[in-house]
Amino acid sequence: ILVQLPLPKHINEEKVLTEISLEKDVDGFHPLNIGKLAMKGRDPL
C-alpha cells in the first residue's frame, strides 16, 4: 500500500502512514520500519 505524499494540509500524514499494515508498508515509512532500520542487528520488513 502506497499513499502518495505530500497529503493536503488538513490531513495528518503521520497518523495516516501509521495506519498502513506493517506487512504492506512498501514505502518503508512506517515508524516501526524506520526504527528497525536505525537499530543494529534488526532488519525492517
All heavy atoms as atom14 arrays in JSON, in Angstrom:
{
  "sequence": "ILVQLPLPKHINEEKVLTEISLEKDVDGFHPLNIGKLAMKGRDPL",
  "atom14_mask": [
    [1, 1, 1, 1, 1, 1, 1, 1, 0, 0, 0, 0, 0, 0],
    [1, 1, 1, 1, 1, 1, 1, 1, 0, 0, 0, 0, 0, 0],
    [1, 1, 1, 1, 1, 1, 1, 0, 0, 0, 0, 0, 0, 0],
    [1, 1, 1, 1, 1, 1, 1, 1, 1, 0, 0, 0, 0, 0],
    [1, 1, 1, 1, 1, 1, 1, 1, 0, 0, 0, 0, 0, 0],
    [1, 1, 1, 1, 1, 1, 1, 0, 0, 0, 0, 0, 0, 0],
    [1, 1, 1, 1, 1, 1, 1, 1, 0, 0, 0, 0, 0, 0],
    [1, 1, 1, 1, 1, 1, 1, 0, 0, 0, 0, 0, 0, 0],
    [1, 1, 1, 1, 1, 1, 1, 1, 1, 0, 0, 0, 0, 0],
    [1, 1, 1, 1, 1, 1, 1, 1, 1, 1, 0, 0, 0, 0],
    [1, 1, 1, 1, 1, 1, 1, 1, 0, 0, 0, 0, 0, 0],
    [1, 1, 1, 1, 1, 1, 1, 1, 0, 0, 0, 0, 0, 0],
    [1, 1, 1, 1, 1, 1, 1, 1, 1, 0, 0, 0, 0, 0],
    [1, 1, 1, 1, 1, 1, 1, 1, 1, 0, 0, 0, 0, 0],
    [1, 1, 1, 1, 1, 1, 1, 1, 1, 0, 0, 0, 0, 0],
    [1, 1, 1, 1, 1, 1, 1, 0, 0, 0, 0, 0, 0, 0],
    [1, 1, 1, 1, 1, 1, 1, 1, 0, 0, 0, 0, 0, 0],
    [1, 1, 1, 1, 1, 1, 1, 0, 0, 0, 0, 0, 0, 0],
    [1, 1, 1, 1, 1, 1, 1, 1, 1, 0, 0, 0, 0, 0],
    [1, 1, 1, 1, 1, 1, 1, 1, 0, 0, 0, 0, 0, 0],
    [1, 1, 1, 1, 1, 1, 0, 0, 0, 0, 0, 0, 0, 0],
    [1, 1, 1, 1, 1, 1, 1, 1, 0, 0, 0, 0, 0, 0],
    [1, 1, 1, 1, 1, 1, 1, 1, 1, 0, 0, 0, 0, 0],
    [1, 1, 1, 1, 1, 1, 1, 1, 1, 0, 0, 0, 0, 0],
    [1, 1, 1, 1, 1, 1, 1, 1, 0, 0, 0, 0, 0, 0],
    [1, 1, 1, 1, 1, 1, 1, 0, 0, 0, 0, 0, 0, 0],
    [1, 1, 1, 1, 1, 1, 1, 1, 0, 0, 0, 0, 0, 0],
    [1, 1, 1, 1, 0, 0, 0, 0, 0, 0, 0, 0, 0, 0],
    [1, 1, 1, 1, 1, 1, 1, 1, 1, 1, 1, 0, 0, 0],
    [1, 1, 1, 1, 1, 1, 1, 1, 1, 1, 0, 0, 0, 0],
    [1, 1, 1, 1, 1, 1, 1, 0, 0, 0, 0, 0, 0, 0],
    [1, 1, 1, 1, 1, 1, 1, 1, 0, 0, 0, 0, 0, 0],
    [1, 1, 1, 1, 1, 1, 1, 1, 0, 0, 0, 0, 0, 0],
    [1, 1, 1, 1, 1, 1, 1, 1, 0, 0, 0, 0, 0, 0],
    [1, 1, 1, 1, 0, 0, 0, 0, 0, 0, 0, 0, 0, 0],
    [1, 1, 1, 1, 1, 1, 1, 1, 1, 0, 0, 0, 0, 0],
    [1, 1, 1, 1, 1, 1, 1, 1, 0, 0, 0, 0, 0, 0],
    [1, 1, 1, 1, 1, 0, 0, 0, 0, 0, 0, 0, 0, 0],
    [1, 1, 1, 1, 1, 1, 1, 1, 0, 0, 0, 0, 0, 0],
    [1, 1, 1, 1, 1, 1, 1, 1, 1, 0, 0, 0, 0, 0],
    [1, 1, 1, 1, 0, 0, 0, 0, 0, 0, 0, 0, 0, 0],
    [1, 1, 1, 1, 1, 1, 1, 1, 1, 1, 1, 0, 0, 0],
    [1, 1, 1, 1, 1, 1, 1, 1, 0, 0, 0, 0, 0, 0],
    [1, 1, 1, 1, 1, 1, 1, 0, 0, 0, 0, 0, 0, 0],
    [1, 1, 1, 1, 1, 1, 1, 1, 0, 0, 0, 0, 0, 0]
  ],
  "atom14_positions": [
    [[0.86, -1.19, 0.0], [0.0, 0.0, 0.0], [0.9, 1.23, 0.0], [1.79, 1.37, 0.85], [-0.91, 0.05, 1.25], [-1.82, -1.19, 1.29], [-1.73, 1.34, 1.27], [-2.57, -1.34, 2.6], [0.0, 0.0, 0.0], [0.0, 0.0, 0.0], [0.0, 0.0, 0.0], [0.0, 0.0, 0.0], [0.0, 0.0, 0.0], [0.0, 0.0, 0.0]],
    [[0.64, 2.09, -0.95], [1.42, 3.32, -1.04], [0.46, 4.51, -1.0], [-0.47, 4.58, -1.8], [2.17, 3.29, -2.35], [2.93, 4.56, -2.66], [4.34, 4.17, -3.01], [2.31, 5.32, -3.79], [0.0, 0.0, 0.0], [0.0, 0.0, 0.0], [0.0, 0.0, 0.0], [0.0, 0.0, 0.0], [0.0, 0.0, 0.0], [0.0, 0.0, 0.0]],
    [[0.66, 5.4, -0.04], [-0.11, 6.63, -0.01], [0.81, 7.72, -0.56], [1.88, 7.99, 0.0], [-0.58, 6.98, 1.43], [-1.27, 8.34, 1.46], [-1.52, 5.9, 1.95], [0.0, 0.0, 0.0], [0.0, 0.0, 0.0], [0.0, 0.0, 0.0], [0.0, 0.0, 0.0], [0.0, 0.0, 0.0], [0.0, 0.0, 0.0], [0.0, 0.0, 0.0]],
    [[0.43, 8.3, -1.67], [1.28, 9.3, -2.34], [1.38, 10.58, -1.5], [0.38, 11.17, -1.13], [0.7, 9.6, -3.73], [1.53, 10.54, -4.57], [2.89, 9.97, -4.95], [3.03, 8.78, -5.22], [3.91, 10.81, -4.96], [0.0, 0.0, 0.0], [0.0, 0.0, 0.0], [0.0, 0.0, 0.0], [0.0, 0.0, 0.0], [0.0, 0.0, 0.0]],
    [[2.63, 10.94, -1.17], [2.87, 12.16, -0.39], [3.28, 13.29, -1.35], [3.75, 13.02, -2.43], [3.99, 11.91, 0.62], [3.74, 10.73, 1.6], [4.94, 10.54, 2.51], [2.49, 10.95, 2.42], [0.0, 0.0, 0.0], [0.0, 0.0, 0.0], [0.0, 0.0, 0.0], [0.0, 0.0, 0.0], [0.0, 0.0, 0.0], [0.0, 0.0, 0.0]],
    [[3.13, 14.57, -0.98], [2.53, 15.06, 0.26], [1.0, 14.99, 0.24], [0.39, 15.01, -0.83], [2.99, 16.52, 0.28], [3.17, 16.89, -1.16], [3.6, 15.64, -1.86], [0.0, 0.0, 0.0], [0.0, 0.0, 0.0], [0.0, 0.0, 0.0], [0.0, 0.0, 0.0], [0.0, 0.0, 0.0], [0.0, 0.0, 0.0], [0.0, 0.0, 0.0]],
    [[0.41, 14.9, 1.43], [-1.04, 14.93, 1.58], [-1.49, 16.38, 1.82], [-0.69, 17.2, 2.26], [-1.45, 14.05, 2.77], [-1.27, 12.55, 2.58], [-1.46, 11.8, 3.89], [-2.24, 12.0, 1.52], [0.0, 0.0, 0.0], [0.0, 0.0, 0.0], [0.0, 0.0, 0.0], [0.0, 0.0, 0.0], [0.0, 0.0, 0.0], [0.0, 0.0, 0.0]],
    [[-2.76, 16.68, 1.54], [-3.24, 18.05, 1.8], [-3.05, 18.44, 3.28], [-3.03, 17.57, 4.16], [-4.73, 17.97, 1.46], [-4.88, 16.79, 0.57], [-3.8, 15.82, 0.95], [0.0, 0.0, 0.0], [0.0, 0.0, 0.0], [0.0, 0.0, 0.0], [0.0, 0.0, 0.0], [0.0, 0.0, 0.0], [0.0, 0.0, 0.0], [0.0, 0.0, 0.0]],
    [[-2.94, 19.75, 3.51], [-2.63, 20.29, 4.85], [-3.55, 19.8, 5.97], [-3.12, 19.64, 7.11], [-2.7, 21.83, 4.82], [-1.64, 22.49, 3.94], [-0.36, 22.77, 4.72], [0.68, 23.5, 3.88], [1.35, 22.62, 2.92], [0.0, 0.0, 0.0], [0.0, 0.0, 0.0], [0.0, 0.0, 0.0], [0.0, 0.0, 0.0], [0.0, 0.0, 0.0]],
    [[-4.84, 19.57, 5.66], [-5.79, 19.23, 6.73], [-5.69, 17.77, 7.18], [-6.38, 17.34, 8.1], [-7.24, 19.54, 6.3], [-7.73, 18.65, 5.18], [-7.42, 18.89, 3.85], [-8.49, 17.53, 5.18], [-7.98, 17.96, 3.09], [-8.63, 17.11, 3.87], [0.0, 0.0, 0.0], [0.0, 0.0, 0.0], [0.0, 0.0, 0.0], [0.0, 0.0, 0.0]],
    [[-4.79, 17.0, 6.55], [-4.64, 15.59, 6.92], [-3.29, 15.37, 7.62], [-2.27, 15.85, 7.15], [-4.76, 14.68, 5.67], [-6.18, 14.8, 5.09], [-4.43, 13.22, 6.01], [-6.38, 14.07, 3.78], [0.0, 0.0, 0.0], [0.0, 0.0, 0.0], [0.0, 0.0, 0.0], [0.0, 0.0, 0.0], [0.0, 0.0, 0.0], [0.0, 0.0, 0.0]],
    [[-3.32, 14.65, 8.72], [-2.1, 14.37, 9.49], [-1.39, 13.16, 8.86], [-1.83, 12.03, 8.99], [-2.47, 14.1, 10.95], [-1.26, 13.76, 11.81], [-0.24, 13.28, 11.32], [-1.38, 13.99, 13.1], [0.0, 0.0, 0.0], [0.0, 0.0, 0.0], [0.0, 0.0, 0.0], [0.0, 0.0, 0.0], [0.0, 0.0, 0.0], [0.0, 0.0, 0.0]],
    [[-0.29, 13.47, 8.19], [0.47, 12.47, 7.44], [0.9, 11.3, 8.33], [0.74, 10.14, 7.97], [1.71, 13.17, 6.87], [2.27, 12.55, 5.64], [3.3, 13.48, 4.98], [2.91, 14.31, 4.14], [4.48, 13.35, 5.34], [0.0, 0.0, 0.0], [0.0, 0.0, 0.0], [0.0, 0.0, 0.0], [0.0, 0.0, 0.0], [0.0, 0.0, 0.0]],
    [[1.47, 11.63, 9.48], [1.99, 10.6, 10.39], [0.89, 9.63, 10.79], [1.07, 8.42, 10.81], [2.6, 11.26, 11.63], [3.28, 10.26, 12.54], [3.9, 10.88, 13.8], [3.76, 12.1, 13.99], [4.5, 10.12, 14.56], [0.0, 0.0, 0.0], [0.0, 0.0, 0.0], [0.0, 0.0, 0.0], [0.0, 0.0, 0.0], [0.0, 0.0, 0.0]],
    [[-0.29, 10.19, 11.1], [-1.41, 9.36, 11.54], [-1.82, 8.37, 10.44], [-2.05, 7.19, 10.69], [-2.59, 10.28, 11.9], [-3.58, 9.63, 12.82], [-4.59, 10.62, 13.36], [-5.75, 9.83, 13.95], [-6.9, 10.66, 14.24], [0.0, 0.0, 0.0], [0.0, 0.0, 0.0], [0.0, 0.0, 0.0], [0.0, 0.0, 0.0], [0.0, 0.0, 0.0]],
    [[-1.87, 8.87, 9.22], [-2.28, 8.03, 8.09], [-1.25, 6.92, 7.83], [-1.6, 5.75, 7.69], [-2.5, 8.88, 6.82], [-2.77, 7.98, 5.61], [-3.67, 9.85, 7.03], [0.0, 0.0, 0.0], [0.0, 0.0, 0.0], [0.0, 0.0, 0.0], [0.0, 0.0, 0.0], [0.0, 0.0, 0.0], [0.0, 0.0, 0.0], [0.0, 0.0, 0.0]],
    [[0.04, 7.29, 7.8], [1.09, 6.31, 7.5], [1.16, 5.22, 8.55], [1.46, 4.07, 8.25], [2.45, 7.0, 7.36], [2.61, 7.97, 6.18], [4.01, 8.54, 6.14], [2.28, 7.29, 4.85], [0.0, 0.0, 0.0], [0.0, 0.0, 0.0], [0.0, 0.0, 0.0], [0.0, 0.0, 0.0], [0.0, 0.0, 0.0], [0.0, 0.0, 0.0]],
    [[0.88, 5.58, 9.8], [0.95, 4.61, 10.89], [-0.18, 3.58, 10.79], [-0.09, 2.49, 11.34], [0.92, 5.34, 12.26], [1.94, 6.34, 12.24], [1.19, 4.42, 13.42], [0.0, 0.0, 0.0], [0.0, 0.0, 0.0], [0.0, 0.0, 0.0], [0.0, 0.0, 0.0], [0.0, 0.0, 0.0], [0.0, 0.0, 0.0], [0.0, 0.0, 0.0]],
    [[-1.25, 3.95, 10.06], [-2.39, 3.03, 9.89], [-2.12, 1.95, 8.84], [-2.83, 0.96, 8.77], [-3.66, 3.8, 9.49], [-4.21, 4.71, 10.59], [-4.7, 3.95, 11.81], [-5.19, 2.82, 11.66], [-4.6, 4.5, 12.92], [0.0, 0.0, 0.0], [0.0, 0.0, 0.0], [0.0, 0.0, 0.0], [0.0, 0.0, 0.0], [0.0, 0.0, 0.0]],
    [[-1.11, 2.15, 8.0], [-0.81, 1.13, 6.98], [-0.24, -0.1, 7.67], [0.65, 0.02, 8.51], [0.21, 1.67, 5.94], [-0.4, 2.85, 5.17], [0.65, 0.58, 4.97], [0.6, 3.56, 4.25], [0.0, 0.0, 0.0], [0.0, 0.0, 0.0], [0.0, 0.0, 0.0], [0.0, 0.0, 0.0], [0.0, 0.0, 0.0], [0.0, 0.0, 0.0]],
    [[-0.75, -1.26, 7.33], [-0.25, -2.51, 7.91], [1.24, -2.64, 7.65], [1.72, -2.41, 6.54], [-1.01, -3.68, 7.27], [-0.21, -4.83, 7.29], [0.0, 0.0, 0.0], [0.0, 0.0, 0.0], [0.0, 0.0, 0.0], [0.0, 0.0, 0.0], [0.0, 0.0, 0.0], [0.0, 0.0, 0.0], [0.0, 0.0, 0.0], [0.0, 0.0, 0.0]],
    [[1.98, -3.01, 8.7], [3.43, -3.12, 8.62], [3.87, -4.06, 7.49], [4.86, -3.81, 6.81], [3.94, -3.66, 9.97], [5.38, -3.37, 10.36], [5.65, -1.88, 10.34], [5.68, -3.94, 11.73], [0.0, 0.0, 0.0], [0.0, 0.0, 0.0], [0.0, 0.0, 0.0], [0.0, 0.0, 0.0], [0.0, 0.0, 0.0], [0.0, 0.0, 0.0]],
    [[3.09, -5.12, 7.28], [3.42, -6.12, 6.24], [3.21, -5.56, 4.83], [3.61, -6.18, 3.86], [2.54, -7.37, 6.37], [2.93, -8.32, 7.47], [2.45, -7.85, 8.84], [1.29, -7.35, 8.92], [3.21, -7.95, 9.81], [0.0, 0.0, 0.0], [0.0, 0.0, 0.0], [0.0, 0.0, 0.0], [0.0, 0.0, 0.0], [0.0, 0.0, 0.0]],
    [[2.49, -4.43, 4.73], [2.17, -3.88, 3.41], [2.81, -2.51, 3.18], [2.52, -1.84, 2.19], [0.64, -3.78, 3.25], [-0.06, -5.13, 3.36], [-1.54, -5.07, 3.01], [-2.18, -6.45, 3.16], [-3.56, -6.49, 2.63], [0.0, 0.0, 0.0], [0.0, 0.0, 0.0], [0.0, 0.0, 0.0], [0.0, 0.0, 0.0], [0.0, 0.0, 0.0]],
    [[3.69, -2.11, 4.1], [4.29, -0.78, 4.04], [5.44, -0.73, 3.04], [6.6, -0.58, 3.41], [4.78, -0.39, 5.46], [5.61, 0.88, 5.47], [5.25, 1.82, 4.74], [6.61, 0.94, 6.2], [0.0, 0.0, 0.0], [0.0, 0.0, 0.0], [0.0, 0.0, 0.0], [0.0, 0.0, 0.0], [0.0, 0.0, 0.0], [0.0, 0.0, 0.0]],
    [[5.12, -0.87, 1.74], [6.17, -0.96, 0.71], [6.97, 0.33, 0.55], [8.04, 0.33, -0.07], [5.61, -1.39, -0.66], [5.37, -2.88, -0.69], [4.35, -0.62, -1.02], [0.0, 0.0, 0.0], [0.0, 0.0, 0.0], [0.0, 0.0, 0.0], [0.0, 0.0, 0.0], [0.0, 0.0, 0.0], [0.0, 0.0, 0.0], [0.0, 0.0, 0.0]],
    [[6.48, 1.44, 1.08], [7.25, 2.68, 1.05], [8.31, 2.69, 2.15], [9.24, 3.49, 2.12], [6.32, 3.89, 1.21], [6.33, 4.79, -0.01], [7.25, 4.64, -0.83], [5.45, 5.64, -0.13], [0.0, 0.0, 0.0], [0.0, 0.0, 0.0], [0.0, 0.0, 0.0], [0.0, 0.0, 0.0], [0.0, 0.0, 0.0], [0.0, 0.0, 0.0]],
    [[8.14, 1.8, 3.14], [9.12, 1.7, 4.22], [9.1, 2.86, 5.2], [10.06, 3.09, 5.92], [0.0, 0.0, 0.0], [0.0, 0.0, 0.0], [0.0, 0.0, 0.0], [0.0, 0.0, 0.0], [0.0, 0.0, 0.0], [0.0, 0.0, 0.0], [0.0, 0.0, 0.0], [0.0, 0.0, 0.0], [0.0, 0.0, 0.0], [0.0, 0.0, 0.0]],
    [[7.99, 3.61, 5.26], [7.94, 4.8, 6.11], [7.24, 4.59, 7.44], [7.1, 5.53, 8.23], [7.23, 5.96, 5.38], [8.0, 6.47, 4.2], [7.34, 7.01, 3.11], [9.38, 6.41, 4.18], [8.05, 7.48, 2.01], [10.1, 6.87, 3.08], [9.42, 7.4, 2.0], [0.0, 0.0, 0.0], [0.0, 0.0, 0.0], [0.0, 0.0, 0.0]],
    [[6.73, 3.38, 7.7], [6.1, 3.13, 9.0], [7.16, 3.34, 10.08], [8.3, 2.88, 9.94], [5.55, 1.71, 9.05], [4.64, 1.46, 10.21], [5.11, 1.4, 11.5], [3.3, 1.27, 10.28], [4.08, 1.17, 12.32], [2.98, 1.09, 11.59], [0.0, 0.0, 0.0], [0.0, 0.0, 0.0], [0.0, 0.0, 0.0], [0.0, 0.0, 0.0]],
    [[6.81, 4.06, 11.17], [7.8, 4.32, 12.23], [8.52, 3.05, 12.7], [9.72, 3.11, 13.02], [6.98, 4.93, 13.36], [5.8, 5.54, 12.69], [5.51, 4.71, 11.47], [0.0, 0.0, 0.0], [0.0, 0.0, 0.0], [0.0, 0.0, 0.0], [0.0, 0.0, 0.0], [0.0, 0.0, 0.0], [0.0, 0.0, 0.0], [0.0, 0.0, 0.0]],
    [[7.84, 1.92, 12.7], [8.49, 0.67, 13.14], [9.54, 0.2, 12.13], [10.58, -0.32, 12.51], [7.45, -0.43, 13.35], [6.87, -0.52, 14.77], [5.72, -1.52, 14.81], [7.94, -0.92, 15.77], [0.0, 0.0, 0.0], [0.0, 0.0, 0.0], [0.0, 0.0, 0.0], [0.0, 0.0, 0.0], [0.0, 0.0, 0.0], [0.0, 0.0, 0.0]],
    [[9.24, 0.38, 10.84], [10.24, 0.0, 9.82], [11.45, 0.92, 9.9], [12.6, 0.45, 9.84], [9.61, 0.03, 8.42], [8.98, -1.31, 8.04], [9.44, -2.37, 8.49], [7.93, -1.27, 7.25], [0.0, 0.0, 0.0], [0.0, 0.0, 0.0], [0.0, 0.0, 0.0], [0.0, 0.0, 0.0], [0.0, 0.0, 0.0], [0.0, 0.0, 0.0]],
    [[11.23, 2.23, 10.05], [12.34, 3.17, 10.17], [13.12, 2.91, 11.46], [14.36, 2.94, 11.49], [11.84, 4.64, 10.13], [11.25, 4.97, 8.76], [12.96, 5.62, 10.49], [12.27, 5.15, 7.64], [0.0, 0.0, 0.0], [0.0, 0.0, 0.0], [0.0, 0.0, 0.0], [0.0, 0.0, 0.0], [0.0, 0.0, 0.0], [0.0, 0.0, 0.0]],
    [[12.41, 2.59, 12.54], [13.06, 2.28, 13.82], [13.98, 1.07, 13.7], [15.11, 1.08, 14.19], [0.0, 0.0, 0.0], [0.0, 0.0, 0.0], [0.0, 0.0, 0.0], [0.0, 0.0, 0.0], [0.0, 0.0, 0.0], [0.0, 0.0, 0.0], [0.0, 0.0, 0.0], [0.0, 0.0, 0.0], [0.0, 0.0, 0.0], [0.0, 0.0, 0.0]],
    [[13.51, 0.03, 13.02], [14.34, -1.17, 12.84], [15.54, -0.89, 11.96], [16.61, -1.45, 12.15], [13.51, -2.31, 12.23], [12.56, -2.95, 13.22], [11.91, -4.17, 12.62], [11.19, -4.94, 13.7], [10.81, -6.28, 13.28], [0.0, 0.0, 0.0], [0.0, 0.0, 0.0], [0.0, 0.0, 0.0], [0.0, 0.0, 0.0], [0.0, 0.0, 0.0]],
    [[15.34, 0.0, 10.97], [16.43, 0.39, 10.09], [17.54, 1.08, 10.9], [18.73, 0.93, 10.62], [15.9, 1.34, 9.0], [16.9, 1.93, 8.01], [17.62, 0.84, 7.24], [16.2, 2.87, 7.04], [0.0, 0.0, 0.0], [0.0, 0.0, 0.0], [0.0, 0.0, 0.0], [0.0, 0.0, 0.0], [0.0, 0.0, 0.0], [0.0, 0.0, 0.0]],
    [[17.12, 1.8, 11.93], [18.09, 2.56, 12.74], [18.85, 1.69, 13.74], [19.86, 2.1, 14.27], [17.37, 3.69, 13.48], [0.0, 0.0, 0.0], [0.0, 0.0, 0.0], [0.0, 0.0, 0.0], [0.0, 0.0, 0.0], [0.0, 0.0, 0.0], [0.0, 0.0, 0.0], [0.0, 0.0, 0.0], [0.0, 0.0, 0.0], [0.0, 0.0, 0.0]],
    [[18.35, 0.49, 14.0], [18.94, -0.34, 15.04], [19.86, -1.41, 14.47], [19.55, -2.04, 13.46], [17.84, -0.98, 15.88], [17.05, 0.05, 16.67], [15.55, -0.64, 17.38], [16.22, -1.35, 18.85], [0.0, 0.0, 0.0], [0.0, 0.0, 0.0], [0.0, 0.0, 0.0], [0.0, 0.0, 0.0], [0.0, 0.0, 0.0], [0.0, 0.0, 0.0]],
    [[20.96, -1.61, 15.15], [21.93, -2.61, 14.72], [21.34, -4.01, 14.91], [20.68, -4.28, 15.92], [23.18, -2.45, 15.59], [24.41, -2.98, 14.94], [25.65, -2.69, 15.74], [26.8, -3.47, 15.15], [28.02, -3.34, 15.92], [0.0, 0.0, 0.0], [0.0, 0.0, 0.0], [0.0, 0.0, 0.0], [0.0, 0.0, 0.0], [0.0, 0.0, 0.0]],
    [[21.57, -4.87, 13.95], [21.11, -6.25, 14.09], [19.62, -6.45, 13.89], [19.1, -7.53, 14.12], [0.0, 0.0, 0.0], [0.0, 0.0, 0.0], [0.0, 0.0, 0.0], [0.0, 0.0, 0.0], [0.0, 0.0, 0.0], [0.0, 0.0, 0.0], [0.0, 0.0, 0.0], [0.0, 0.0, 0.0], [0.0, 0.0, 0.0], [0.0, 0.0, 0.0]],
    [[18.9, -5.4, 13.5], [17.47, -5.56, 13.19], [17.27, -5.24, 11.71], [17.96, -4.39, 11.17], [16.61, -4.55, 13.97], [16.84, -4.48, 15.46], [16.11, -5.6, 16.19], [16.61, -5.7, 17.54], [16.08, -5.05, 18.58], [15.07, -4.25, 18.4], [16.58, -5.23, 19.78], [0.0, 0.0, 0.0], [0.0, 0.0, 0.0], [0.0, 0.0, 0.0]],
    [[16.32, -5.91, 11.13], [16.02, -5.63, 9.73], [14.57, -5.23, 9.55], [13.68, -5.95, 9.98], [16.33, -6.86, 8.86], [17.82, -7.06, 8.71], [18.51, -6.07, 8.36], [18.31, -8.18, 8.96], [0.0, 0.0, 0.0], [0.0, 0.0, 0.0], [0.0, 0.0, 0.0], [0.0, 0.0, 0.0], [0.0, 0.0, 0.0], [0.0, 0.0, 0.0]],
    [[14.34, -4.07, 8.91], [12.96, -3.69, 8.62], [12.35, -4.65, 7.6], [13.09, -5.31, 6.86], [13.09, -2.28, 8.03], [14.5, -2.15, 7.59], [15.32, -3.11, 8.39], [0.0, 0.0, 0.0], [0.0, 0.0, 0.0], [0.0, 0.0, 0.0], [0.0, 0.0, 0.0], [0.0, 0.0, 0.0], [0.0, 0.0, 0.0], [0.0, 0.0, 0.0]],
    [[11.03, -4.74, 7.57], [10.39, -5.58, 6.54], [10.62, -4.97, 5.16], [10.78, -5.67, 4.18], [8.88, -5.68, 6.82], [8.47, -6.6, 7.97], [6.97, -6.53, 8.21], [8.88, -8.04, 7.67], [0.0, 0.0, 0.0], [0.0, 0.0, 0.0], [0.0, 0.0, 0.0], [0.0, 0.0, 0.0], [0.0, 0.0, 0.0], [0.0, 0.0, 0.0]]
  ]
}
